PDB file of N, CA and C in Angstrom:
ATOM      1  N   MET A   1      98.427 133.271  18.653  1.00  0.00           N
ATOM      2  CA  MET A   1      97.322 133.233  17.728  1.00  0.00           C
ATOM      3  C   MET A   1      96.280 134.261  18.171  1.00  0.00           C
ATOM      4  N   THR A   2      95.850 135.083  17.273  1.00  0.00           N
ATOM      5  CA  THR A   2      94.865 136.105  17.559  1.00  0.00           C
ATOM      6  C   THR A   2      93.494 135.642  17.096  1.00  0.00           C
ATOM      7  N   ARG A   3      92.511 135.844  17.964  1.00  0.00           N
ATOM      8  CA  ARG A   3      91.134 135.497  17.605  1.00  0.00           C
ATOM      9  C   ARG A   3      90.294 136.752  17.664  1.00  0.00           C
ATOM     10  N   ASP A   4      89.555 136.990  16.588  1.00  0.00           N
ATOM     11  CA  ASP A   4      88.669 138.149  16.543  1.00  0.00           C
ATOM     12  C   ASP A   4      87.236 137.780  16.920  1.00  0.00           C
ATOM     13  N   ALA A   5      86.962 136.492  17.028  1.00  0.00           N
ATOM     14  CA  ALA A   5      85.606 136.038  17.341  1.00  0.00           C
ATOM     15  C   ALA A   5      85.276 136.356  18.799  1.00  0.00           C
ATOM     16  N   PRO A   6      84.013 136.656  19.089  1.00  0.00           N
ATOM     17  CA  PRO A   6      83.638 136.985  20.464  1.00  0.00           C
ATOM     18  C   PRO A   6      83.599 135.770  21.396  1.00  0.00           C
ATOM     19  N   ALA A   7      83.540 134.550  20.839  1.00  0.00           N
ATOM     20  CA  ALA A   7      83.462 133.350  21.675  1.00  0.00           C
ATOM     21  C   ALA A   7      84.142 132.172  20.991  1.00  0.00           C
ATOM     22  N   THR A   8      84.523 131.197  21.816  1.00  0.00           N
ATOM     23  CA  THR A   8      85.159 129.976  21.337  1.00  0.00           C
ATOM     24  C   THR A   8      84.293 128.786  21.729  1.00  0.00           C
ATOM     25  N   PRO A   9      84.021 127.855  20.804  1.00  0.00           N
ATOM     26  CA  PRO A   9      83.250 126.669  21.173  1.00  0.00           C
ATOM     27  C   PRO A   9      84.134 125.678  21.935  1.00  0.00           C
ATOM     28  N   VAL A  10      83.640 125.221  23.087  1.00  0.00           N
ATOM     29  CA  VAL A  10      84.359 124.256  23.911  1.00  0.00           C
ATOM     30  C   VAL A  10      83.482 123.009  24.045  1.00  0.00           C
ATOM     31  N   PRO A  11      84.000 121.831  23.680  1.00  0.00           N
ATOM     32  CA  PRO A  11      83.185 120.617  23.782  1.00  0.00           C
ATOM     33  C   PRO A  11      82.801 120.324  25.232  1.00  0.00           C
ATOM     34  N   VAL A  12      81.522 120.070  25.451  1.00  0.00           N
ATOM     35  CA  VAL A  12      81.025 119.701  26.772  1.00  0.00           C
ATOM     36  C   VAL A  12      80.909 118.181  26.864  1.00  0.00           C
ATOM     37  N   GLY A  13      80.574 117.550  25.760  1.00  0.00           N
ATOM     38  CA  GLY A  13      80.471 116.101  25.763  1.00  0.00           C
ATOM     39  C   GLY A  13      79.505 115.587  24.723  1.00  0.00           C
ATOM     40  N   TYR A  14      79.261 114.300  24.815  1.00  0.00           N
ATOM     41  CA  TYR A  14      78.353 113.620  23.895  1.00  0.00           C
ATOM     42  C   TYR A  14      77.170 113.087  24.689  1.00  0.00           C
ATOM     43  N   ASP A  15      76.026 112.989  24.042  1.00  0.00           N
ATOM     44  CA  ASP A  15      74.812 112.522  24.686  1.00  0.00           C
ATOM     45  C   ASP A  15      74.066 111.612  23.723  1.00  0.00           C
ATOM     46  N   LYS A  16      73.326 110.685  24.261  1.00  0.00           N
ATOM     47  CA  LYS A  16      72.464 109.796  23.477  1.00  0.00           C
ATOM     48  C   LYS A  16      73.228 109.071  22.367  1.00  0.00           C
ATOM     49  N   VAL A  17      74.440 108.614  22.667  1.00  0.00           N
ATOM     50  CA  VAL A  17      75.246 107.875  21.693  1.00  0.00           C
ATOM     51  C   VAL A  17      74.717 106.446  21.614  1.00  0.00           C
ATOM     52  N   ARG A  18      74.446 105.999  20.388  1.00  0.00           N
ATOM     53  CA  ARG A  18      73.936 104.652  20.159  1.00  0.00           C
ATOM     54  C   ARG A  18      74.710 104.016  19.002  1.00  0.00           C
ATOM     55  N   PHE A  19      75.209 102.810  19.259  1.00  0.00           N
ATOM     56  CA  PHE A  19      75.874 102.035  18.215  1.00  0.00           C
ATOM     57  C   PHE A  19      74.844 101.038  17.681  1.00  0.00           C
ATOM     58  N   LEU A  20      74.433 101.226  16.449  1.00  0.00           N
ATOM     59  CA  LEU A  20      73.316 100.479  15.886  1.00  0.00           C
ATOM     60  C   LEU A  20      73.729  99.205  15.159  1.00  0.00           C
ATOM     61  N   LYS A  21      74.904  99.235  14.544  1.00  0.00           N
ATOM     62  CA  LYS A  21      75.415  98.077  13.803  1.00  0.00           C
ATOM     63  C   LYS A  21      76.926  98.031  13.978  1.00  0.00           C
ATOM     64  N   PRO A  22      77.523  96.850  13.837  1.00  0.00           N
ATOM     65  CA  PRO A  22      78.978  96.769  13.986  1.00  0.00           C
ATOM     66  C   PRO A  22      79.717  97.402  12.807  1.00  0.00           C
ATOM     67  N   VAL A  23      80.914  97.857  13.084  1.00  0.00           N
ATOM     68  CA  VAL A  23      81.835  98.371  12.067  1.00  0.00           C
ATOM     69  C   VAL A  23      83.087  97.514  12.156  1.00  0.00           C
ATOM     70  N   PHE A  24      83.600  97.078  11.014  1.00  0.00           N
ATOM     71  CA  PHE A  24      84.716  96.143  10.978  1.00  0.00           C
ATOM     72  C   PHE A  24      85.961  96.812  10.396  1.00  0.00           C
ATOM     73  N   LEU A  25      87.131  96.248  10.698  1.00  0.00           N
ATOM     74  CA  LEU A  25      88.372  96.723  10.093  1.00  0.00           C
ATOM     75  C   LEU A  25      88.233  96.696   8.584  1.00  0.00           C
ATOM     76  N   GLY A  26      88.653  97.747   7.933  1.00  0.00           N
ATOM     77  CA  GLY A  26      88.543  97.843   6.481  1.00  0.00           C
ATOM     78  C   GLY A  26      87.279  98.544   6.015  1.00  0.00           C
ATOM     79  N   ASP A  27      86.299  98.728   6.914  1.00  0.00           N
ATOM     80  CA  ASP A  27      85.087  99.464   6.543  1.00  0.00           C
ATOM     81  C   ASP A  27      85.426 100.939   6.353  1.00  0.00           C
ATOM     82  N   THR A  28      84.632 101.601   5.542  1.00  0.00           N
ATOM     83  CA  THR A  28      84.733 103.047   5.360  1.00  0.00           C
ATOM     84  C   THR A  28      83.512 103.668   6.011  1.00  0.00           C
ATOM     85  N   VAL A  29      83.752 104.636   6.891  1.00  0.00           N
ATOM     86  CA  VAL A  29      82.628 105.286   7.560  1.00  0.00           C
ATOM     87  C   VAL A  29      82.589 106.761   7.178  1.00  0.00           C
ATOM     88  N   THR A  30      81.380 107.292   7.122  1.00  0.00           N
ATOM     89  CA  THR A  30      81.145 108.697   6.815  1.00  0.00           C
ATOM     90  C   THR A  30      80.324 109.290   7.945  1.00  0.00           C
ATOM     91  N   LEU A  31      80.754 110.433   8.437  1.00  0.00           N
ATOM     92  CA  LEU A  31      80.067 111.096   9.532  1.00  0.00           C
ATOM     93  C   LEU A  31      79.375 112.346   9.018  1.00  0.00           C
ATOM     94  N   ILE A  32      78.124 112.525   9.394  1.00  0.00           N
ATOM     95  CA  ILE A  32      77.380 113.744   9.066  1.00  0.00           C
ATOM     96  C   ILE A  32      77.082 114.457  10.368  1.00  0.00           C
ATOM     97  N   TYR A  33      77.462 115.728  10.448  1.00  0.00           N
ATOM     98  CA  TYR A  33      77.287 116.551  11.648  1.00  0.00           C
ATOM     99  C   TYR A  33      76.401 117.729  11.275  1.00  0.00           C
ATOM    100  N   ARG A  34      75.265 117.818  11.929  1.00  0.00           N
ATOM    101  CA  ARG A  34      74.328 118.919  11.661  1.00  0.00           C
ATOM    102  C   ARG A  34      74.052 119.661  12.959  1.00  0.00           C
ATOM    103  N   ILE A  35      74.002 120.976  12.894  1.00  0.00           N
ATOM    104  CA  ILE A  35      73.598 121.754  14.055  1.00  0.00           C
ATOM    105  C   ILE A  35      72.100 121.552  14.234  1.00  0.00           C
ATOM    106  N   ALA A  36      71.705 120.980  15.359  1.00  0.00           N
ATOM    107  CA  ALA A  36      70.305 120.660  15.601  1.00  0.00           C
ATOM    108  C   ALA A  36      69.603 121.730  16.427  1.00  0.00           C
ATOM    109  N   GLU A  37      70.354 122.377  17.313  1.00  0.00           N
ATOM    110  CA  GLU A  37      69.727 123.346  18.208  1.00  0.00           C
ATOM    111  C   GLU A  37      70.760 124.372  18.662  1.00  0.00           C
ATOM    112  N   ILE A  38      70.315 125.603  18.786  1.00  0.00           N
ATOM    113  CA  ILE A  38      71.140 126.665  19.350  1.00  0.00           C
ATOM    114  C   ILE A  38      70.357 127.277  20.500  1.00  0.00           C
ATOM    115  N   ASP A  39      70.954 127.229  21.680  1.00  0.00           N
ATOM    116  CA  ASP A  39      70.348 127.822  22.869  1.00  0.00           C
ATOM    117  C   ASP A  39      71.157 129.064  23.213  1.00  0.00           C
ATOM    118  N   ALA A  40      70.744 130.210  22.672  1.00  0.00           N
ATOM    119  CA  ALA A  40      71.490 131.459  22.852  1.00  0.00           C
ATOM    120  C   ALA A  40      71.542 131.885  24.313  1.00  0.00           C
ATOM    121  N   GLN A  41      70.492 131.612  25.050  1.00  0.00           N
ATOM    122  CA  GLN A  41      70.440 132.030  26.453  1.00  0.00           C
ATOM    123  C   GLN A  41      71.482 131.281  27.289  1.00  0.00           C
ATOM    124  N   ARG A  42      71.649 129.988  27.041  1.00  0.00           N
ATOM    125  CA  ARG A  42      72.640 129.175  27.773  1.00  0.00           C
ATOM    126  C   ARG A  42      73.997 129.168  27.082  1.00  0.00           C
ATOM    127  N   LYS A  43      74.072 129.791  25.897  1.00  0.00           N
ATOM    128  CA  LYS A  43      75.305 129.825  25.081  1.00  0.00           C
ATOM    129  C   LYS A  43      75.800 128.411  24.779  1.00  0.00           C
ATOM    130  N   ARG A  44      74.853 127.589  24.306  1.00  0.00           N
ATOM    131  CA  ARG A  44      75.165 126.210  23.947  1.00  0.00           C
ATOM    132  C   ARG A  44      74.589 125.888  22.576  1.00  0.00           C
ATOM    133  N   SER A  45      75.238 124.946  21.916  1.00  0.00           N
ATOM    134  CA  SER A  45      74.686 124.401  20.676  1.00  0.00           C
ATOM    135  C   SER A  45      74.779 122.879  20.738  1.00  0.00           C
ATOM    136  N   THR A  46      73.853 122.235  20.045  1.00  0.00           N
ATOM    137  CA  THR A  46      73.817 120.778  20.006  1.00  0.00           C
ATOM    138  C   THR A  46      73.905 120.337  18.557  1.00  0.00           C
ATOM    139  N   GLY A  47      74.819 119.432  18.292  1.00  0.00           N
ATOM    140  CA  GLY A  47      74.977 118.873  16.954  1.00  0.00           C
ATOM    141  C   GLY A  47      74.446 117.453  16.897  1.00  0.00           C
ATOM    142  N   LYS A  48      73.751 117.131  15.822  1.00  0.00           N
ATOM    143  CA  LYS A  48      73.256 115.779  15.595  1.00  0.00           C
ATOM    144  C   LYS A  48      74.293 115.039  14.756  1.00  0.00           C
ATOM    145  N   ILE A  49      74.714 113.872  15.219  1.00  0.00           N
ATOM    146  CA  ILE A  49      75.738 113.085  14.534  1.00  0.00           C
ATOM    147  C   ILE A  49      75.128 111.802  14.002  1.00  0.00           C
ATOM    148  N   GLU A  50      75.402 111.506  12.732  1.00  0.00           N
ATOM    149  CA  GLU A  50      75.007 110.245  12.112  1.00  0.00           C
ATOM    150  C   GLU A  50      76.242 109.654  11.436  1.00  0.00           C
ATOM    151  N   VAL A  51      76.468 108.366  11.648  1.00  0.00           N
ATOM    152  CA  VAL A  51      77.613 107.681  11.057  1.00  0.00           C
ATOM    153  C   VAL A  51      77.089 106.554  10.164  1.00  0.00           C
ATOM    154  N   PHE A  52      77.574 106.537   8.917  1.00  0.00           N
ATOM    155  CA  PHE A  52      77.152 105.542   7.932  1.00  0.00           C
ATOM    156  C   PHE A  52      78.357 104.713   7.499  1.00  0.00           C
ATOM    157  N   ASN A  53      78.123 103.449   7.150  1.00  0.00           N
ATOM    158  CA  ASN A  53      79.197 102.639   6.588  1.00  0.00           C
ATOM    159  C   ASN A  53      79.190 102.757   5.060  1.00  0.00           C
ATOM    160  N   GLN A  54      80.068 102.014   4.413  1.00  0.00           N
ATOM    161  CA  GLN A  54      80.216 102.098   2.953  1.00  0.00           C
ATOM    162  C   GLN A  54      78.970 101.620   2.207  1.00  0.00           C
ATOM    163  N   ASP A  55      78.095 100.890   2.888  1.00  0.00           N
ATOM    164  CA  ASP A  55      76.844 100.428   2.270  1.00  0.00           C
ATOM    165  C   ASP A  55      75.691 101.388   2.564  1.00  0.00           C
ATOM    166  N   GLU A  56      76.024 102.570   3.080  1.00  0.00           N
ATOM    167  CA  GLU A  56      75.064 103.619   3.448  1.00  0.00           C
ATOM    168  C   GLU A  56      74.089 103.165   4.533  1.00  0.00           C
ATOM    169  N   GLU A  57      74.543 102.226   5.378  1.00  0.00           N
ATOM    170  CA  GLU A  57      73.755 101.793   6.527  1.00  0.00           C
ATOM    171  C   GLU A  57      74.113 102.677   7.723  1.00  0.00           C
ATOM    172  N   LEU A  58      73.113 103.102   8.456  1.00  0.00           N
ATOM    173  CA  LEU A  58      73.336 103.902   9.649  1.00  0.00           C
ATOM    174  C   LEU A  58      73.898 102.998  10.736  1.00  0.00           C
ATOM    175  N   VAL A  59      75.112 103.294  11.218  1.00  0.00           N
ATOM    176  CA  VAL A  59      75.769 102.423  12.196  1.00  0.00           C
ATOM    177  C   VAL A  59      75.877 103.050  13.583  1.00  0.00           C
ATOM    178  N   ALA A  60      75.760 104.378  13.685  1.00  0.00           N
ATOM    179  CA  ALA A  60      75.840 105.043  14.994  1.00  0.00           C
ATOM    180  C   ALA A  60      75.180 106.408  14.912  1.00  0.00           C
ATOM    181  N   VAL A  61      74.660 106.858  16.049  1.00  0.00           N
ATOM    182  CA  VAL A  61      74.056 108.183  16.155  1.00  0.00           C
ATOM    183  C   VAL A  61      74.437 108.782  17.510  1.00  0.00           C
ATOM    184  N   GLY A  62      74.288 110.089  17.618  1.00  0.00           N
ATOM    185  CA  GLY A  62      74.554 110.741  18.891  1.00  0.00           C
ATOM    186  C   GLY A  62      74.360 112.234  18.796  1.00  0.00           C
ATOM    187  N   GLN A  63      74.574 112.896  19.929  1.00  0.00           N
ATOM    188  CA  GLN A  63      74.513 114.351  19.987  1.00  0.00           C
ATOM    189  C   GLN A  63      75.828 114.863  20.572  1.00  0.00           C
ATOM    190  N   HIS A  64      76.284 115.987  20.060  1.00  0.00           N
ATOM    191  CA  HIS A  64      77.502 116.635  20.538  1.00  0.00           C
ATOM    192  C   HIS A  64      77.117 118.002  21.082  1.00  0.00           C
ATOM    193  N   ILE A  65      77.561 118.301  22.293  1.00  0.00           N
ATOM    194  CA  ILE A  65      77.189 119.553  22.943  1.00  0.00           C
ATOM    195  C   ILE A  65      78.405 120.470  23.028  1.00  0.00           C
ATOM    196  N   LEU A  66      78.218 121.716  22.570  1.00  0.00           N
ATOM    197  CA  LEU A  66      79.268 122.737  22.643  1.00  0.00           C
ATOM    198  C   LEU A  66      78.807 123.877  23.530  1.00  0.00           C
ATOM    199  N   GLN A  67      79.704 124.344  24.398  1.00  0.00           N
ATOM    200  CA  GLN A  67      79.468 125.532  25.204  1.00  0.00           C
ATOM    201  C   GLN A  67      80.292 126.665  24.570  1.00  0.00           C
ATOM    202  N   TRP A  68      79.661 127.812  24.340  1.00  0.00           N
ATOM    203  CA  TRP A  68      80.353 128.937  23.719  1.00  0.00           C
ATOM    204  C   TRP A  68      80.881 129.860  24.834  1.00  0.00           C
ATOM    205  N   VAL A  69      82.215 129.900  24.961  1.00  0.00           N
ATOM    206  CA  VAL A  69      82.881 130.636  26.038  1.00  0.00           C
ATOM    207  C   VAL A  69      83.420 131.950  25.476  1.00  0.00           C
ATOM    208  N   PRO A  70      83.133 133.062  26.158  1.00  0.00           N
ATOM    209  CA  PRO A  70      83.630 134.357  25.665  1.00  0.00           C
ATOM    210  C   PRO A  70      85.161 134.405  25.609  1.00  0.00           C
ATOM    211  N   ASN A  71      85.689 135.011  24.548  1.00  0.00           N
ATOM    212  CA  ASN A  71      87.126 135.208  24.419  1.00  0.00           C
ATOM    213  C   ASN A  71      87.526 136.421  25.250  1.00  0.00           C
ATOM    214  N   PRO A  72      88.555 136.297  26.087  1.00  0.00           N
ATOM    215  CA  PRO A  72      88.964 137.437  26.909  1.00  0.00           C
ATOM    216  C   PRO A  72      89.472 138.618  26.080  1.00  0.00           C
ATOM    217  N   ALA A  73      90.052 138.346  24.914  1.00  0.00           N
ATOM    218  CA  ALA A  73      90.619 139.406  24.092  1.00  0.00           C
ATOM    219  C   ALA A  73      89.574 140.143  23.269  1.00  0.00           C
ATOM    220  N   ALA A  74      88.393 139.558  23.139  1.00  0.00           N
ATOM    221  CA  ALA A  74      87.364 140.144  22.265  1.00  0.00           C
ATOM    222  C   ALA A  74      86.700 141.340  22.911  1.00  0.00           C
TER     223      ALA A  74
END
């Protein structure tokens, strides 16, 4: 596989994960992922995660951290 991009996002982990309400078998969940911050100097980005159930109740939140690693071929 050839990549022309100068960097690849590599997951570093999750932070500030909170489960606010229970989710049950048969529930439908929807996840919204928004880029909350870009730290160009550290080559990191942080995504804000919100999870809603079928009743549009917020059931979980968290942050996802990506480290942008240079591609050797680029």
